[in-house]
């Protein structure tokens, strides 16, 4: 199944490039997205273990992650905004992975602390 014209094979390939476990995303699952921040750079994403209909991904734009309870809104993966198209190849990275994307910059790393939440 493709999400925003990104095939599962491309997501698997991206996961393999970083030595990550591929964990697919159900398009009907929810991601936490800070919609009001998506015009900011860089684009950040982190993945907790999926649970209760969520895919575990939390996505925001800008340098700061707010503590505000309303910072993230639930968005079905199949309805992720167009601004997030560059992130789609990374959605197959398993829980514990973080992504930071900016113009001509890609930073992807594993953060074990994300598994304990």
C-alpha atoms as a PDB file:
ATOM      1  CA  UNK A   1       0.000   0.000   0.000  1.00  0.00           C
ATOM      2  CA  UNK A   2       1.356   3.440  -0.880  1.00  0.00           C
ATOM      3  CA  UNK A   3       1.051   6.502   1.310  1.00  0.00           C
ATOM      4  CA  UNK A   4       1.496   9.751  -0.637  1.00  0.00           C
ATOM      5  CA  UNK A   5       3.008   7.883  -3.592  1.00  0.00           C
ATOM      6  CA  UNK A   6       5.621   6.292  -1.334  1.00  0.00           C
ATOM      7  CA  UNK A   7       5.586   2.536  -1.631  1.00  0.00           C
ATOM      8  CA  UNK A   8       6.107   0.057   1.160  1.00  0.00           C
ATOM      9  CA  UNK A   9       9.265  -0.984  -0.705  1.00  0.00           C
ATOM     10  CA  UNK A  10      10.599   2.577  -0.442  1.00  0.00           C
ATOM     11  CA  UNK A  11       9.789   2.666   3.271  1.00  0.00           C
ATOM     12  CA  UNK A  12      11.513  -0.712   3.735  1.00  0.00           C
ATOM     13  CA  UNK A  13      14.514   0.578   1.787  1.00  0.00           C
ATOM     14  CA  UNK A  14      14.723   3.688   3.967  1.00  0.00           C
ATOM     15  CA  UNK A  15      14.574   1.572   7.130  1.00  0.00           C
ATOM     16  CA  UNK A  16      17.290  -0.733   5.778  1.00  0.00           C
ATOM     17  CA  UNK A  17      19.498   2.251   4.886  1.00  0.00           C
ATOM     18  CA  UNK A  18      19.607   3.165   8.589  1.00  0.00           C
ATOM     19  CA  UNK A  19      19.764  -0.408   9.895  1.00  0.00           C
ATOM     20  CA  UNK A  20      16.301   0.014  11.396  1.00  0.00           C
ATOM     21  CA  UNK A  21      13.577  -2.528  11.869  1.00  0.00           C
ATOM     22  CA  UNK A  22      10.779  -1.907   9.358  1.00  0.00           C
ATOM     23  CA  UNK A  23       7.449  -1.462  11.131  1.00  0.00           C
ATOM     24  CA  UNK A  24       4.679  -0.606   8.695  1.00  0.00           C
ATOM     25  CA  UNK A  25       2.104   2.075   9.288  1.00  0.00           C
ATOM     26  CA  UNK A  26      -1.598   1.384   8.875  1.00  0.00           C
ATOM     27  CA  UNK A  27      -3.001   4.307   6.834  1.00  0.00           C
ATOM     28  CA  UNK A  28      -6.045   4.390   9.137  1.00  0.00           C
ATOM     29  CA  UNK A  29      -3.878   4.728  12.272  1.00  0.00           C
ATOM     30  CA  UNK A  30      -3.468   8.132  13.878  1.00  0.00           C
ATOM     31  CA  UNK A  31      -0.292  10.180  14.171  1.00  0.00           C
ATOM     32  CA  UNK A  32       0.139  13.128  16.498  1.00  0.00           C
ATOM     33  CA  UNK A  33       0.777  16.193  14.336  1.00  0.00           C
ATOM     34  CA  UNK A  34       1.372  19.764  15.497  1.00  0.00           C
ATOM     35  CA  UNK A  35      -0.541  21.211  12.552  1.00  0.00           C
ATOM     36  CA  UNK A  36       0.090  24.852  13.457  1.00  0.00           C
ATOM     37  CA  UNK A  37       3.879  24.340  13.252  1.00  0.00           C
ATOM     38  CA  UNK A  38       4.249  22.628   9.885  1.00  0.00           C
ATOM     39  CA  UNK A  39       5.375  25.779   8.072  1.00  0.00           C
ATOM     40  CA  UNK A  40       8.463  25.949  10.318  1.00  0.00           C
ATOM     41  CA  UNK A  41      11.830  24.297   9.742  1.00  0.00           C
ATOM     42  CA  UNK A  42      13.184  21.803  10.513  1.00  0.00           C
ATOM     43  CA  UNK A  43      10.564  19.062  10.234  1.00  0.00           C
ATOM     44  CA  UNK A  44      10.825  16.726  13.239  1.00  0.00           C
ATOM     45  CA  UNK A  45       9.356  13.299  13.852  1.00  0.00           C
ATOM     46  CA  UNK A  46       9.739  10.674  16.531  1.00  0.00           C
ATOM     47  CA  UNK A  47       8.133   7.282  16.944  1.00  0.00           C
ATOM     48  CA  UNK A  48       6.919   5.725  20.166  1.00  0.00           C
ATOM     49  CA  UNK A  49       5.555   2.171  20.204  1.00  0.00           C
ATOM     50  CA  UNK A  50       2.128   2.034  18.482  1.00  0.00           C
ATOM     51  CA  UNK A  51      -0.884   1.575  20.745  1.00  0.00           C
ATOM     52  CA  UNK A  52      -4.664   1.994  20.750  1.00  0.00           C
ATOM     53  CA  UNK A  53      -5.054   2.936  17.081  1.00  0.00           C
ATOM     54  CA  UNK A  54      -2.016   5.182  16.925  1.00  0.00           C
ATOM     55  CA  UNK A  55       1.042   4.522  14.767  1.00  0.00           C
ATOM     56  CA  UNK A  56       3.398   6.032  17.366  1.00  0.00           C
ATOM     57  CA  UNK A  57       4.576   8.937  15.183  1.00  0.00           C
ATOM     58  CA  UNK A  58       4.616  12.496  16.538  1.00  0.00           C
ATOM     59  CA  UNK A  59       5.445  15.197  14.005  1.00  0.00           C
ATOM     60  CA  UNK A  60       6.113  18.937  14.347  1.00  0.00           C
ATOM     61  CA  UNK A  61       7.906  21.779  12.649  1.00  0.00           C
ATOM     62  CA  UNK A  62      10.427  24.092  14.220  1.00  0.00           C
ATOM     63  CA  UNK A  63      13.154  23.759  16.778  1.00  0.00           C
ATOM     64  CA  UNK A  64      11.057  23.405  19.921  1.00  0.00           C
ATOM     65  CA  UNK A  65       8.701  20.714  21.117  1.00  0.00           C
ATOM     66  CA  UNK A  66       6.022  22.350  23.286  1.00  0.00           C
ATOM     67  CA  UNK A  67       4.681  20.795  26.493  1.00  0.00           C
ATOM     68  CA  UNK A  68       1.170  22.115  25.775  1.00  0.00           C
ATOM     69  CA  UNK A  69      -1.429  19.311  25.938  1.00  0.00           C
ATOM     70  CA  UNK A  70      -3.006  20.628  22.711  1.00  0.00           C
ATOM     71  CA  UNK A  71       0.296  20.810  20.786  1.00  0.00           C
ATOM     72  CA  UNK A  72      -0.422  17.610  18.811  1.00  0.00           C
ATOM     73  CA  UNK A  73      -3.668  16.817  17.010  1.00  0.00           C
ATOM     74  CA  UNK A  74      -4.614  13.267  15.963  1.00  0.00           C
ATOM     75  CA  UNK A  75      -4.456  12.870  12.171  1.00  0.00           C
ATOM     76  CA  UNK A  76      -5.052   9.659  10.224  1.00  0.00           C
ATOM     77  CA  UNK A  77      -1.871   8.754   8.374  1.00  0.00           C
ATOM     78  CA  UNK A  78      -3.758   8.630   5.078  1.00  0.00           C
ATOM     79  CA  UNK A  79      -4.715  12.285   5.615  1.00  0.00           C
ATOM     80  CA  UNK A  80      -1.327  13.673   6.562  1.00  0.00           C
ATOM     81  CA  UNK A  81      -0.932  17.180   5.158  1.00  0.00           C
ATOM     82  CA  UNK A  82       0.950  17.784   1.927  1.00  0.00           C
ATOM     83  CA  UNK A  83       3.683  19.548   3.915  1.00  0.00           C
ATOM     84  CA  UNK A  84       4.663  16.134   5.273  1.00  0.00           C
ATOM     85  CA  UNK A  85       5.331  14.471   1.903  1.00  0.00           C
ATOM     86  CA  UNK A  86       9.138  14.557   2.510  1.00  0.00           C
ATOM     87  CA  UNK A  87       8.619  12.526   5.681  1.00  0.00           C
ATOM     88  CA  UNK A  88       6.660   9.683   4.066  1.00  0.00           C
ATOM     89  CA  UNK A  89       9.689   7.488   3.184  1.00  0.00           C
ATOM     90  CA  UNK A  90      10.651   7.429   6.891  1.00  0.00           C
ATOM     91  CA  UNK A  91       7.295   6.227   8.247  1.00  0.00           C
ATOM     92  CA  UNK A  92       8.446   2.590   8.157  1.00  0.00           C
ATOM     93  CA  UNK A  93      11.181   3.217  10.739  1.00  0.00           C
ATOM     94  CA  UNK A  94      10.356   1.272  13.864  1.00  0.00           C
ATOM     95  CA  UNK A  95       9.620   2.670  17.320  1.00  0.00           C
ATOM     96  CA  UNK A  96      12.538   4.525  18.868  1.00  0.00           C
ATOM     97  CA  UNK A  97      13.574   6.350  15.716  1.00  0.00           C
ATOM     98  CA  UNK A  98      13.764  10.101  15.236  1.00  0.00           C
ATOM     99  CA  UNK A  99      13.953  12.127  12.028  1.00  0.00           C
ATOM    100  CA  UNK A 100      14.958  15.740  11.433  1.00  0.00           C
ATOM    101  CA  UNK A 101      14.621  17.132   7.900  1.00  0.00           C
ATOM    102  CA  UNK A 102      15.551  20.589   6.616  1.00  0.00           C
ATOM    103  CA  UNK A 103      16.730  22.024   3.320  1.00  0.00           C
ATOM    104  CA  UNK A 104      19.629  19.811   2.171  1.00  0.00           C
ATOM    105  CA  UNK A 105      19.775  18.150   5.599  1.00  0.00           C
ATOM    106  CA  UNK A 106      18.719  14.734   6.873  1.00  0.00           C
ATOM    107  CA  UNK A 107      19.371  13.473  10.375  1.00  0.00           C
ATOM    108  CA  UNK A 108      17.989  10.076  11.414  1.00  0.00           C
ATOM    109  CA  UNK A 109      18.885   8.352  14.670  1.00  0.00           C
ATOM    110  CA  UNK A 110      17.703   5.803  17.206  1.00  0.00           C
ATOM    111  CA  UNK A 111      16.699   7.094  20.644  1.00  0.00           C
ATOM    112  CA  UNK A 112      16.114   4.240  23.086  1.00  0.00           C
ATOM    113  CA  UNK A 113      14.330   6.579  25.529  1.00  0.00           C
ATOM    114  CA  UNK A 114      11.367   6.710  23.141  1.00  0.00           C
ATOM    115  CA  UNK A 115      10.642   3.037  23.847  1.00  0.00           C
ATOM    116  CA  UNK A 116      10.041   3.638  27.565  1.00  0.00           C
ATOM    117  CA  UNK A 117       7.027   5.916  27.127  1.00  0.00           C
END
